[in-house]
C-alpha atoms as a PDB file:
ATOM      1  CA  MET A   1       0.003   0.109  -0.142  1.00  0.00           C
ATOM      2  CA  ASN A   2       1.020   3.304  -0.879  1.00  0.00           C
ATOM      3  CA  ILE A   3       1.228   5.466   2.107  1.00  0.00           C
ATOM      4  CA  ILE A   4       1.079   9.289   2.173  1.00  0.00           C
ATOM      5  CA  ASP A   5       0.698  12.264   4.884  1.00  0.00           C
ATOM      6  CA  THR A   6      -0.173  15.556   3.604  1.00  0.00           C
ATOM      7  CA  HIS A   7      -0.924  16.848   7.044  1.00  0.00           C
ATOM      8  CA  VAL A   8       2.530  17.232   9.411  1.00  0.00           C
ATOM      9  CA  HIS A   9       3.603  19.584  11.540  1.00  0.00           C
ATOM     10  CA  SER A  10       7.356  20.158  12.281  1.00  0.00           C
ATOM     11  CA  SER A  11       8.990  22.685  15.184  1.00  0.00           C
ATOM     12  CA  PHE A  12       8.577  25.456  12.242  1.00  0.00           C
ATOM     13  CA  SER A  13       4.738  25.174  13.551  1.00  0.00           C
ATOM     14  CA  PHE A  14       4.404  27.081  17.360  1.00  0.00           C
ATOM     15  CA  ASP A  15       3.166  23.527  18.785  1.00  0.00           C
ATOM     16  CA  GLY A  16       5.191  20.922  16.802  1.00  0.00           C
ATOM     17  CA  GLU A  17       8.094  18.909  18.468  1.00  0.00           C
ATOM     18  CA  ASN A  18      10.554  17.831  16.057  1.00  0.00           C
ATOM     19  CA  THR A  19      12.536  19.227  13.475  1.00  0.00           C
ATOM     20  CA  PRO A  20      11.720  18.718   9.409  1.00  0.00           C
ATOM     21  CA  ARG A  21      14.831  16.514   9.528  1.00  0.00           C
ATOM     22  CA  GLU A  22      13.611  14.382  12.599  1.00  0.00           C
ATOM     23  CA  MET A  23      10.167  13.971  10.287  1.00  0.00           C
ATOM     24  CA  ALA A  24      11.736  13.097   7.447  1.00  0.00           C
ATOM     25  CA  GLU A  25      13.680  10.759   8.844  1.00  0.00           C
ATOM     26  CA  GLN A  26      11.241   9.097  10.011  1.00  0.00           C
ATOM     27  CA  ALA A  27       8.801   9.137   7.287  1.00  0.00           C
ATOM     28  CA  ALA A  28      11.619   7.380   5.401  1.00  0.00           C
ATOM     29  CA  ARG A  29      11.909   4.753   7.741  1.00  0.00           C
ATOM     30  CA  LEU A  30       8.123   4.302   7.892  1.00  0.00           C
ATOM     31  CA  GLY A  31       8.748   3.695   3.643  1.00  0.00           C
ATOM     32  CA  LEU A  32       6.070   6.806   3.189  1.00  0.00           C
ATOM     33  CA  THR A  33       5.424   7.316  -0.411  1.00  0.00           C
ATOM     34  CA  ALA A  34       5.218  11.037   0.110  1.00  0.00           C
ATOM     35  CA  MET A  35       5.113  13.622   2.948  1.00  0.00           C
ATOM     36  CA  THR A  36       3.981  17.317   3.053  1.00  0.00           C
ATOM     37  CA  PHE A  37       5.145  19.534   5.946  1.00  0.00           C
ATOM     38  CA  THR A  38       1.707  22.229   6.469  1.00  0.00           C
ATOM     39  CA  GLU A  39       3.004  24.172   8.733  1.00  0.00           C
ATOM     40  CA  HIS A  40       0.559  26.762  10.697  1.00  0.00           C
ATOM     41  CA  ILE A  41      -0.097  30.045   9.682  1.00  0.00           C
ATOM     42  CA  ASP A  42      -2.705  31.485  11.104  1.00  0.00           C
ATOM     43  CA  VAL A  43      -3.224  34.670   9.016  1.00  0.00           C
ATOM     44  CA  ASP A  44      -5.387  36.619  11.712  1.00  0.00           C
ATOM     45  CA  ASP A  45      -2.599  36.241  14.256  1.00  0.00           C
ATOM     46  CA  TYR A  46       0.490  36.051  12.168  1.00  0.00           C
ATOM     47  CA  ARG A  47       2.684  39.015  13.541  1.00  0.00           C
ATOM     48  CA  ASN A  48       1.722  37.203  17.142  1.00  0.00           C
ATOM     49  CA  THR A  49       4.323  36.971  19.440  1.00  0.00           C
ATOM     50  CA  TYR A  50       3.375  33.219  21.081  1.00  0.00           C
ATOM     51  CA  TYR A  51       2.978  31.678  17.398  1.00  0.00           C
ATOM     52  CA  ARG A  52       6.381  33.673  15.942  1.00  0.00           C
ATOM     53  CA  GLN A  53       4.600  32.650  12.834  1.00  0.00           C
ATOM     54  CA  SER A  54       6.654  35.634  10.998  1.00  0.00           C
ATOM     55  CA  THR A  55      10.164  34.538  12.285  1.00  0.00           C
ATOM     56  CA  LEU A  56       9.331  30.949  11.995  1.00  0.00           C
ATOM     57  CA  ILE A  57       7.808  31.001   8.587  1.00  0.00           C
ATOM     58  CA  PRO A  58      10.368  32.333   6.794  1.00  0.00           C
ATOM     59  CA  VAL A  59      12.943  30.300   8.187  1.00  0.00           C
ATOM     60  CA  ALA A  60      11.369  27.105   7.203  1.00  0.00           C
ATOM     61  CA  ALA A  61      10.916  28.449   3.458  1.00  0.00           C
ATOM     62  CA  VAL A  62      14.352  27.947   3.326  1.00  0.00           C
ATOM     63  CA  GLU A  63      15.261  25.282   5.484  1.00  0.00           C
ATOM     64  CA  ILE A  64      12.952  22.505   4.400  1.00  0.00           C
ATOM     65  CA  PRO A  65      12.642  22.575   0.736  1.00  0.00           C
ATOM     66  CA  PRO A  66      16.114  21.262   0.343  1.00  0.00           C
ATOM     67  CA  LEU A  67      15.233  17.964   2.090  1.00  0.00           C
ATOM     68  CA  LYS A  68      12.911  17.570  -0.797  1.00  0.00           C
ATOM     69  CA  GLU A  69      15.834  17.040  -3.054  1.00  0.00           C
ATOM     70  CA  GLU A  70      18.378  15.570  -0.087  1.00  0.00           C
ATOM     71  CA  TYR A  71      15.553  12.571   0.111  1.00  0.00           C
ATOM     72  CA  LYS A  72      14.975  12.200  -3.225  1.00  0.00           C
ATOM     73  CA  GLY A  73      14.307   8.475  -3.974  1.00  0.00           C
ATOM     74  CA  ARG A  74      13.680   7.994  -0.265  1.00  0.00           C
ATOM     75  CA  ILE A  75      10.228   9.787  -0.106  1.00  0.00           C
ATOM     76  CA  ASN A  76       8.714  12.283  -2.232  1.00  0.00           C
ATOM     77  CA  LEU A  77       8.335  15.215   0.405  1.00  0.00           C
ATOM     78  CA  GLY A  78       6.555  18.659  -0.075  1.00  0.00           C
ATOM     79  CA  PHE A  79       6.528  22.085   1.386  1.00  0.00           C
ATOM     80  CA  GLY A  80       3.201  23.366   2.289  1.00  0.00           C
ATOM     81  CA  ALA A  81       1.077  25.253   4.810  1.00  0.00           C
ATOM     82  CA  GLU A  82      -2.169  24.869   6.739  1.00  0.00           C
ATOM     83  CA  ILE A  83      -3.446  28.285   6.842  1.00  0.00           C
ATOM     84  CA  GLY A  84      -6.041  29.265   9.443  1.00  0.00           C
ATOM     85  CA  GLN A  85      -8.584  31.934   9.055  1.00  0.00           C
ATOM     86  CA  TYR A  86      -8.054  32.982   5.305  1.00  0.00           C
ATOM     87  CA  LEU A  87     -10.638  35.034   5.291  1.00  0.00           C
ATOM     88  CA  ARG A  88      -9.639  37.797   8.008  1.00  0.00           C
ATOM     89  CA  LYS A  89      -6.351  38.620   6.065  1.00  0.00           C
ATOM     90  CA  PRO A  90      -6.828  37.042   2.412  1.00  0.00           C
ATOM     91  CA  GLU A  91      -4.614  39.628   1.094  1.00  0.00           C
ATOM     92  CA  LEU A  92      -1.996  38.627   3.548  1.00  0.00           C
ATOM     93  CA  ALA A  93      -2.781  34.967   2.686  1.00  0.00           C
ATOM     94  CA  GLU A  94      -2.171  35.119  -1.148  1.00  0.00           C
ATOM     95  CA  SER A  95       1.226  36.789  -0.096  1.00  0.00           C
ATOM     96  CA  LEU A  96       2.209  34.467   1.695  1.00  0.00           C
ATOM     97  CA  ILE A  97       1.341  31.468  -0.368  1.00  0.00           C
ATOM     98  CA  LYS A  98       3.132  33.187  -3.388  1.00  0.00           C
ATOM     99  CA  ASP A  99       6.455  34.111  -1.685  1.00  0.00           C
ATOM    100  CA  LEU A 100       6.830  31.061   0.251  1.00  0.00           C
ATOM    101  CA  LYS A 101       6.074  28.825  -3.101  1.00  0.00           C
ATOM    102  CA  LEU A 102       4.131  26.449  -1.436  1.00  0.00           C
ATOM    103  CA  ASP A 103       3.458  22.824  -2.842  1.00  0.00           C
ATOM    104  CA  PHE A 104       0.354  22.410  -0.898  1.00  0.00           C
ATOM    105  CA  VAL A 105      -2.261  24.876   0.734  1.00  0.00           C
ATOM    106  CA  ILE A 106      -4.628  23.460   3.283  1.00  0.00           C
ATOM    107  CA  GLY A 107      -7.443  25.593   4.537  1.00  0.00           C
ATOM    108  CA  SER A 108      -8.909  25.977   7.988  1.00  0.00           C
ATOM    109  CA  ALA A 109     -10.581  27.372  10.521  1.00  0.00           C
ATOM    110  CA  HIS A 110      -9.826  27.253  14.128  1.00  0.00           C
ATOM    111  CA  VAL A 111     -11.368  30.385  15.396  1.00  0.00           C
ATOM    112  CA  VAL A 112     -14.708  31.819  14.594  1.00  0.00           C
ATOM    113  CA  PRO A 113     -15.904  35.208  14.726  1.00  0.00           C
ATOM    114  CA  GLY A 114     -16.735  36.500  18.163  1.00  0.00           C
ATOM    115  CA  TYR A 115     -14.969  33.195  19.830  1.00  0.00           C
ATOM    116  CA  LYS A 116     -11.777  31.756  20.643  1.00  0.00           C
ATOM    117  CA  ASP A 117      -9.822  29.251  18.654  1.00  0.00           C
ATOM    118  CA  CYS A 118     -12.462  26.125  19.354  1.00  0.00           C
ATOM    119  CA  TYR A 119      -9.755  24.397  21.230  1.00  0.00           C
ATOM    120  CA  TYR A 120      -9.548  27.107  24.073  1.00  0.00           C
ATOM    121  CA  LEU A 121     -13.524  26.841  24.750  1.00  0.00           C
ATOM    122  CA  ASP A 122     -15.588  25.527  27.363  1.00  0.00           C
ATOM    123  CA  TYR A 123     -18.534  23.987  25.616  1.00  0.00           C
ATOM    124  CA  HIS A 124     -20.519  23.566  29.011  1.00  0.00           C
ATOM    125  CA  LYS A 125     -20.627  27.439  28.595  1.00  0.00           C
ATOM    126  CA  THR A 126     -20.883  27.756  25.019  1.00  0.00           C
ATOM    127  CA  ASN A 127     -23.421  26.887  22.560  1.00  0.00           C
ATOM    128  CA  PRO A 128     -22.150  24.292  20.536  1.00  0.00           C
ATOM    129  CA  ARG A 129     -25.130  24.554  18.277  1.00  0.00           C
ATOM    130  CA  GLU A 130     -24.469  28.245  17.375  1.00  0.00           C
ATOM    131  CA  LEU A 131     -20.479  27.920  17.173  1.00  0.00           C
ATOM    132  CA  LEU A 132     -20.833  25.053  14.566  1.00  0.00           C
ATOM    133  CA  ARG A 133     -23.774  27.143  12.760  1.00  0.00           C
ATOM    134  CA  LEU A 134     -20.879  30.038  12.296  1.00  0.00           C
ATOM    135  CA  TYR A 135     -18.487  27.678  11.733  1.00  0.00           C
ATOM    136  CA  PHE A 136     -20.163  25.792   9.035  1.00  0.00           C
ATOM    137  CA  GLY A 137     -20.622  29.264   7.294  1.00  0.00           C
ATOM    138  CA  GLU A 138     -16.949  30.430   7.741  1.00  0.00           C
ATOM    139  CA  ILE A 139     -16.039  27.067   5.542  1.00  0.00           C
ATOM    140  CA  LEU A 140     -18.344  27.726   3.099  1.00  0.00           C
ATOM    141  CA  GLU A 141     -16.702  30.740   2.388  1.00  0.00           C
ATOM    142  CA  LEU A 142     -13.609  29.560   2.512  1.00  0.00           C
ATOM    143  CA  ALA A 143     -14.549  26.759  -0.099  1.00  0.00           C
ATOM    144  CA  GLU A 144     -16.099  30.119  -2.547  1.00  0.00           C
ATOM    145  CA  LYS A 145     -13.098  32.392  -2.337  1.00  0.00           C
ATOM    146  CA  GLY A 146     -10.220  30.773  -1.228  1.00  0.00           C
ATOM    147  CA  ASN A 147      -7.106  29.886  -3.058  1.00  0.00           C
ATOM    148  CA  ILE A 148      -6.686  26.696  -1.269  1.00  0.00           C
ATOM    149  CA  ASP A 149      -6.191  22.898  -2.152  1.00  0.00           C
ATOM    150  CA  VAL A 150      -8.330  21.060   0.131  1.00  0.00           C
ATOM    151  CA  ILE A 151     -10.414  22.244   3.202  1.00  0.00           C
ATOM    152  CA  GLY A 152      -8.814  20.482   6.311  1.00  0.00           C
ATOM    153  CA  HIS A 153     -10.588  18.810   9.408  1.00  0.00           C
ATOM    154  CA  LEU A 154     -14.132  19.555   8.008  1.00  0.00           C
ATOM    155  CA  THR A 155     -15.461  19.044  11.472  1.00  0.00           C
ATOM    156  CA  TYR A 156     -12.724  20.569  13.241  1.00  0.00           C
ATOM    157  CA  PRO A 157     -14.799  21.590  16.517  1.00  0.00           C
ATOM    158  CA  LEU A 158     -16.416  18.198  17.219  1.00  0.00           C
ATOM    159  CA  ARG A 159     -12.381  17.216  18.521  1.00  0.00           C
ATOM    160  CA  TYR A 160     -13.341  19.047  21.476  1.00  0.00           C
ATOM    161  CA  ILE A 161     -17.253  19.868  21.662  1.00  0.00           C
ATOM    162  CA  THR A 162     -17.516  15.769  21.491  1.00  0.00           C
ATOM    163  CA  GLY A 163     -14.383  14.466  22.124  1.00  0.00           C
ATOM    164  CA  ARG A 164     -13.249  16.553  25.067  1.00  0.00           C
ATOM    165  CA  ASP A 165     -16.352  18.110  26.414  1.00  0.00           C
ATOM    166  CA  GLY A 166     -18.473  14.557  25.947  1.00  0.00           C
ATOM    167  CA  ILE A 167     -21.224  16.684  24.049  1.00  0.00           C
ATOM    168  CA  VAL A 168     -22.927  14.680  21.459  1.00  0.00           C
ATOM    169  CA  VAL A 169     -24.011  16.937  18.448  1.00  0.00           C
ATOM    170  CA  ASN A 170     -26.167  15.689  15.617  1.00  0.00           C
ATOM    171  CA  LEU A 171     -24.422  16.921  12.588  1.00  0.00           C
ATOM    172  CA  SER A 172     -27.796  16.206  10.242  1.00  0.00           C
ATOM    173  CA  GLU A 173     -29.168  19.880  11.337  1.00  0.00           C
ATOM    174  CA  TYR A 174     -26.141  21.097   9.357  1.00  0.00           C
ATOM    175  CA  ALA A 175     -26.180  18.611   6.420  1.00  0.00           C
ATOM    176  CA  ASP A 176     -27.200  21.305   3.890  1.00  0.00           C
ATOM    177  CA  ILE A 177     -24.619  23.416   4.480  1.00  0.00           C
ATOM    178  CA  ILE A 178     -22.026  20.714   4.428  1.00  0.00           C
ATOM    179  CA  ARG A 179     -23.545  19.645   0.920  1.00  0.00           C
ATOM    180  CA  ASP A 180     -22.866  23.193   0.183  1.00  0.00           C
ATOM    181  CA  ILE A 181     -19.195  23.144   1.129  1.00  0.00           C
ATOM    182  CA  CYS A 182     -19.177  19.606  -0.711  1.00  0.00           C
ATOM    183  CA  ILE A 183     -20.570  20.899  -3.812  1.00  0.00           C
ATOM    184  CA  THR A 184     -18.810  24.369  -3.819  1.00  0.00           C
ATOM    185  CA  ALA A 185     -15.353  22.572  -3.065  1.00  0.00           C
ATOM    186  CA  ALA A 186     -16.103  20.305  -5.970  1.00  0.00           C
ATOM    187  CA  LYS A 187     -16.706  22.866  -8.637  1.00  0.00           C
ATOM    188  CA  ARG A 188     -13.726  25.020  -7.481  1.00  0.00           C
ATOM    189  CA  GLY A 189     -11.491  21.502  -8.150  1.00  0.00           C
ATOM    190  CA  ILE A 190     -10.639  21.751  -4.300  1.00  0.00           C
ATOM    191  CA  GLY A 191     -10.210  18.629  -2.060  1.00  0.00           C
ATOM    192  CA  LEU A 192     -11.194  17.210   1.156  1.00  0.00           C
ATOM    193  CA  GLU A 193      -8.838  16.172   3.651  1.00  0.00           C
ATOM    194  CA  ILE A 194      -9.895  12.802   5.660  1.00  0.00           C
ATOM    195  CA  ASN A 195      -7.669  13.921   9.175  1.00  0.00           C
ATOM    196  CA  THR A 196      -6.897  10.880  10.859  1.00  0.00           C
ATOM    197  CA  GLY A 197      -5.608  13.054  13.805  1.00  0.00           C
ATOM    198  CA  GLY A 198      -8.400  12.346  15.967  1.00  0.00           C
ATOM    199  CA  ILE A 199      -9.041   8.555  15.508  1.00  0.00           C
ATOM    200  CA  ARG A 200      -6.292   7.874  18.223  1.00  0.00           C
ATOM    201  CA  ARG A 201      -4.762  10.912  19.794  1.00  0.00           C
ATOM    202  CA  GLN A 202      -7.495  12.465  20.752  1.00  0.00           C
ATOM    203  CA  ASN A 203     -10.954  11.516  22.448  1.00  0.00           C
ATOM    204  CA  TYR A 204     -13.424  12.086  19.734  1.00  0.00           C
ATOM    205  CA  GLY A 205     -12.310   8.461  18.385  1.00  0.00           C
ATOM    206  CA  LYS A 206     -13.295   9.362  14.718  1.00  0.00           C
ATOM    207  CA  ALA A 207     -11.889  10.653  11.560  1.00  0.00           C
ATOM    208  CA  ASP A 208     -12.611  14.270  10.701  1.00  0.00           C
ATOM    209  CA  PRO A 209     -14.745  13.967   8.631  1.00  0.00           C
ATOM    210  CA  GLU A 210     -16.285  10.933   9.517  1.00  0.00           C
ATOM    211  CA  LEU A 211     -17.543   8.443   5.835  1.00  0.00           C
ATOM    212  CA  GLU A 212     -21.287  10.137   5.504  1.00  0.00           C
ATOM    213  CA  TYR A 213     -19.614  13.322   4.241  1.00  0.00           C
ATOM    214  CA  VAL A 214     -16.730  12.060   2.459  1.00  0.00           C
ATOM    215  CA  LYS A 215     -19.485  10.159   0.337  1.00  0.00           C
ATOM    216  CA  MET A 216     -21.179  13.608   0.401  1.00  0.00           C
ATOM    217  CA  PHE A 217     -18.662  15.130  -1.284  1.00  0.00           C
ATOM    218  CA  ARG A 218     -18.074  11.934  -3.487  1.00  0.00           C
ATOM    219  CA  GLU A 219     -21.502  12.258  -4.424  1.00  0.00           C
ATOM    220  CA  ALA A 220     -21.253  16.141  -5.105  1.00  0.00           C
ATOM    221  CA  GLY A 221     -18.084  15.317  -7.947  1.00  0.00           C
ATOM    222  CA  GLY A 222     -15.064  15.782  -5.581  1.00  0.00           C
ATOM    223  CA  GLU A 223     -12.735  13.857  -7.293  1.00  0.00           C
ATOM    224  CA  ILE A 224      -9.342  15.077  -4.732  1.00  0.00           C
ATOM    225  CA  ILE A 225      -8.928  13.232  -1.423  1.00  0.00           C
ATOM    226  CA  THR A 226      -5.769  13.846   0.702  1.00  0.00           C
ATOM    227  CA  ILE A 227      -5.154  11.596   4.264  1.00  0.00           C
ATOM    228  CA  GLY A 228      -3.426  13.707   6.927  1.00  0.00           C
ATOM    229  CA  SER A 229      -2.476  12.621  10.744  1.00  0.00           C
ATOM    230  CA  ASP A 230      -1.798  16.313  11.433  1.00  0.00           C
ATOM    231  CA  ALA A 231       1.384  14.747  13.546  1.00  0.00           C
ATOM    232  CA  HIS A 232       2.915  17.316  15.570  1.00  0.00           C
ATOM    233  CA  ARG A 233       5.698  14.584  16.321  1.00  0.00           C
ATOM    234  CA  THR A 234       7.339  11.707  14.670  1.00  0.00           C
ATOM    235  CA  CYS A 235       5.702   9.246  16.527  1.00  0.00           C
ATOM    236  CA  ASP A 236       2.405  10.211  15.057  1.00  0.00           C
ATOM    237  CA  ILE A 237       3.510  10.570  11.411  1.00  0.00           C
ATOM    238  CA  ALA A 238       0.723   8.447   9.230  1.00  0.00           C
ATOM    239  CA  ALA A 239      -1.357   7.407  12.042  1.00  0.00           C
ATOM    240  CA  ASN A 240      -4.591   5.430  11.518  1.00  0.00           C
ATOM    241  CA  PHE A 241      -3.692   6.044   7.418  1.00  0.00           C
ATOM    242  CA  LYS A 242      -5.016   2.483   7.266  1.00  0.00           C
ATOM    243  CA  GLU A 243      -8.507   3.839   8.493  1.00  0.00           C
ATOM    244  CA  GLY A 244      -8.430   6.786   6.724  1.00  0.00           C
ATOM    245  CA  ALA A 245      -7.463   4.758   3.014  1.00  0.00           C
ATOM    246  CA  GLU A 246     -10.562   2.232   3.865  1.00  0.00           C
ATOM    247  CA  ILE A 247     -12.848   5.689   4.436  1.00  0.00           C
ATOM    248  CA  ALA A 248     -11.890   6.753   1.349  1.00  0.00           C
ATOM    249  CA  LYS A 249     -12.616   3.632  -0.500  1.00  0.00           C
ATOM    250  CA  ALA A 250     -16.207   3.245   1.283  1.00  0.00           C
ATOM    251  CA  ALA A 251     -16.695   6.577  -0.215  1.00  0.00           C
ATOM    252  CA  GLY A 252     -16.024   5.172  -3.294  1.00  0.00           C
ATOM    253  CA  PHE A 253     -12.413   6.974  -4.179  1.00  0.00           C
ATOM    254  CA  LYS A 254     -10.069   4.994  -5.904  1.00  0.00           C
ATOM    255  CA  ARG A 255      -7.338   7.063  -5.347  1.00  0.00           C
ATOM    256  CA  ILE A 256      -5.501   9.880  -3.125  1.00  0.00           C
ATOM    257  CA  ALA A 257      -3.458  12.557  -3.623  1.00  0.00           C
ATOM    258  CA  TYR A 258      -0.329  14.658  -2.406  1.00  0.00           C
ATOM    259  CA  PHE A 259       0.496  17.870  -4.279  1.00  0.00           C
ATOM    260  CA  GLU A 260       3.700  19.596  -5.728  1.00  0.00           C
ATOM    261  CA  LYS A 261       3.438  22.878  -6.913  1.00  0.00           C
ATOM    262  CA  ARG A 262      -0.194  22.951  -6.158  1.00  0.00           C
ATOM    263  CA  LYS A 263      -0.888  20.068  -8.367  1.00  0.00           C
ATOM    264  CA  PRO A 264      -2.358  16.742  -7.179  1.00  0.00           C
ATOM    265  CA  ILE A 265      -0.284  13.657  -7.911  1.00  0.00           C
ATOM    266  CA  PHE A 266      -3.013  10.689  -7.751  1.00  0.00           C
ATOM    267  CA  ILE A 267      -1.919   7.344  -6.226  1.00  0.00           C
ATOM    268  CA  GLU A 268      -4.096   4.442  -6.460  1.00  0.00           C
ATOM    269  CA  LEU A 269      -5.611   3.073  -3.206  1.00  0.00           C
END
């Protein structure tokens, strides 16, 4: 089986633990076909001293690309970014995408208007239904306007609403807007990520999104699926890839993708 991981954070992300070389070496040892570094770029907070993104990311752009050549023949490495809150500062997002010469862009939203990052919220005090309504509205607009390659972790808030705080949410309430997201992304040639980070590392215990919504994307005409572990350390690279691949197959996909120079490279499942 060709194993690829298109969502990995190194120490050039504010919450990453291992250097790019350590991540690349582990991926090569595991026999991955491809792996893409997708460092965090939250454009709404790009200059924040805690994240130090405006210092870390330019250095990443210098240090990571040479690894692609060094590891050629062992693994296909890519240099990408997970751009969060793209809609807050689209001009900054566009300039970074261009200047950094990214192979791959994940569009995601960790924060919705009027709230902190979903990670920091207490959902016993915050209304999860209202937050999800705003969140999916944000993702729909991202699908409509973003210069992105895939939508990352489509059901991200559930990691914390359900996985951490134990509040069960009926996503059927949002089926129409999720379908609109899938239709819009498919029409624009944007892919959908199957994020396997929640299966093992978080109490959520599920892929993000689940099979139902990957099927919805396929039925909407979606053609590009990526599988990402959302690893922030070497031991999580390609974690639960098999489960992600099984979801893709069950949804009707026969191949998955990684990206080079913003173009999808397809691999048979």
